[in-house]
Amino acid sequence: MSFDPTWLFLSLIPGAIGMVLLGYGKKQGRWPHMVAGLLLLVYPSFTPSVVALVVTGSAIGGALWYVNRLGW
């Protein structure tokens, strides 16, 4: 496994956002935010490239946005 500096730097961003979402979800009792926060914390460990990192993070963020629009 090679460590790409770009991938390492970009993997910090969803981790930080995930930590904030998880804390917010726990405090407000909003389970969609907790689930999205956990996913954002975990998924960078399983993505092999920068493109996969960005696409997966965008999909999780888009799903959270859509769930919020539905009123969950």
C-alpha atoms as a PDB file:
ATOM      1  CA  MET A   1       0.000   0.000   0.000  1.00  0.00           C
ATOM      2  CA  SER A   2       1.468   3.333  -1.039  1.00  0.00           C
ATOM      3  CA  PHE A   3       0.602   6.516   0.794  1.00  0.00           C
ATOM      4  CA  ASP A   4      -0.244   9.329  -1.564  1.00  0.00           C
ATOM      5  CA  PRO A   5       0.192  12.713   0.184  1.00  0.00           C
ATOM      6  CA  THR A   6      -2.881  14.105  -1.566  1.00  0.00           C
ATOM      7  CA  TRP A   7      -5.001  11.187  -0.379  1.00  0.00           C
ATOM      8  CA  LEU A   8      -3.698  11.530   3.183  1.00  0.00           C
ATOM      9  CA  PHE A   9      -4.515  15.231   3.293  1.00  0.00           C
ATOM     10  CA  LEU A  10      -7.946  14.831   1.710  1.00  0.00           C
ATOM     11  CA  SER A  11      -8.851  11.985   4.066  1.00  0.00           C
ATOM     12  CA  LEU A  12      -8.574  14.405   7.005  1.00  0.00           C
ATOM     13  CA  ILE A  13     -11.434  16.535   5.692  1.00  0.00           C
ATOM     14  CA  PRO A  14     -14.258  13.937   5.791  1.00  0.00           C
ATOM     15  CA  GLY A  15     -12.925  12.666   9.111  1.00  0.00           C
ATOM     16  CA  ALA A  16     -13.218  16.115  10.665  1.00  0.00           C
ATOM     17  CA  ILE A  17     -16.662  16.692   9.162  1.00  0.00           C
ATOM     18  CA  GLY A  18     -17.739  13.253  10.364  1.00  0.00           C
ATOM     19  CA  MET A  19     -16.597  13.992  13.899  1.00  0.00           C
ATOM     20  CA  VAL A  20     -18.594  17.226  13.956  1.00  0.00           C
ATOM     21  CA  LEU A  21     -21.695  15.552  12.478  1.00  0.00           C
ATOM     22  CA  LEU A  22     -21.485  12.695  14.967  1.00  0.00           C
ATOM     23  CA  GLY A  23     -21.272  15.095  17.906  1.00  0.00           C
ATOM     24  CA  TYR A  24     -24.105  17.225  16.567  1.00  0.00           C
ATOM     25  CA  GLY A  25     -26.274  14.178  15.926  1.00  0.00           C
ATOM     26  CA  LYS A  26     -25.707  12.803  19.420  1.00  0.00           C
ATOM     27  CA  LYS A  27     -26.424  16.136  21.073  1.00  0.00           C
ATOM     28  CA  GLN A  28     -29.575  16.873  19.050  1.00  0.00           C
ATOM     29  CA  GLY A  29     -30.770  13.262  18.892  1.00  0.00           C
ATOM     30  CA  ARG A  30     -30.722  13.232  15.085  1.00  0.00           C
ATOM     31  CA  TRP A  31     -29.854   9.750  13.866  1.00  0.00           C
ATOM     32  CA  PRO A  32     -29.292  10.646  10.162  1.00  0.00           C
ATOM     33  CA  HIS A  33     -26.483  12.985  11.240  1.00  0.00           C
ATOM     34  CA  MET A  34     -25.002  10.319  13.504  1.00  0.00           C
ATOM     35  CA  VAL A  35     -25.046   7.710  10.723  1.00  0.00           C
ATOM     36  CA  ALA A  36     -23.533  10.121   8.187  1.00  0.00           C
ATOM     37  CA  GLY A  37     -20.905  11.144  10.748  1.00  0.00           C
ATOM     38  CA  LEU A  38     -19.909   7.549  11.390  1.00  0.00           C
ATOM     39  CA  LEU A  39     -19.744   6.822   7.677  1.00  0.00           C
ATOM     40  CA  LEU A  40     -17.598   9.897   7.063  1.00  0.00           C
ATOM     41  CA  LEU A  41     -15.261   8.840   9.861  1.00  0.00           C
ATOM     42  CA  VAL A  42     -14.848   5.272   8.606  1.00  0.00           C
ATOM     43  CA  TYR A  43     -14.963   5.315   4.813  1.00  0.00           C
ATOM     44  CA  PRO A  44     -11.550   6.959   4.127  1.00  0.00           C
ATOM     45  CA  SER A  45      -9.906   3.789   5.452  1.00  0.00           C
ATOM     46  CA  PHE A  46     -11.481   1.759   2.648  1.00  0.00           C
ATOM     47  CA  THR A  47     -11.057   4.039  -0.364  1.00  0.00           C
ATOM     48  CA  PRO A  48      -7.985   3.306  -2.476  1.00  0.00           C
ATOM     49  CA  SER A  49      -7.797   6.518  -4.524  1.00  0.00           C
ATOM     50  CA  VAL A  50      -8.483  10.238  -4.360  1.00  0.00           C
ATOM     51  CA  VAL A  51     -11.331   9.928  -6.871  1.00  0.00           C
ATOM     52  CA  ALA A  52     -13.035   7.225  -4.800  1.00  0.00           C
ATOM     53  CA  LEU A  53     -12.544   9.343  -1.682  1.00  0.00           C
ATOM     54  CA  VAL A  54     -14.216  12.395  -3.234  1.00  0.00           C
ATOM     55  CA  VAL A  55     -17.042  10.456  -4.918  1.00  0.00           C
ATOM     56  CA  THR A  56     -17.925   8.469  -1.797  1.00  0.00           C
ATOM     57  CA  GLY A  57     -17.816  11.545   0.430  1.00  0.00           C
ATOM     58  CA  SER A  58     -20.027  13.449  -1.983  1.00  0.00           C
ATOM     59  CA  ALA A  59     -22.494  10.560  -2.061  1.00  0.00           C
ATOM     60  CA  ILE A  60     -22.707  10.459   1.741  1.00  0.00           C
ATOM     61  CA  GLY A  61     -23.152  14.244   1.916  1.00  0.00           C
ATOM     62  CA  GLY A  62     -25.783  14.154  -0.819  1.00  0.00           C
ATOM     63  CA  ALA A  63     -27.663  11.378   0.960  1.00  0.00           C
ATOM     64  CA  LEU A  64     -27.655  13.379   4.198  1.00  0.00           C
ATOM     65  CA  TRP A  65     -28.911  16.450   2.346  1.00  0.00           C
ATOM     66  CA  TYR A  66     -31.704  14.411   0.704  1.00  0.00           C
ATOM     67  CA  VAL A  67     -32.766  12.820   4.003  1.00  0.00           C
ATOM     68  CA  ASN A  68     -32.909  16.270   5.617  1.00  0.00           C
ATOM     69  CA  ARG A  69     -35.050  17.551   2.741  1.00  0.00           C
ATOM     70  CA  LEU A  70     -37.472  14.707   3.386  1.00  0.00           C
ATOM     71  CA  GLY A  71     -37.836  15.916   6.970  1.00  0.00           C
ATOM     72  CA  TRP A  72     -36.114  13.131   8.878  1.00  0.00           C
END
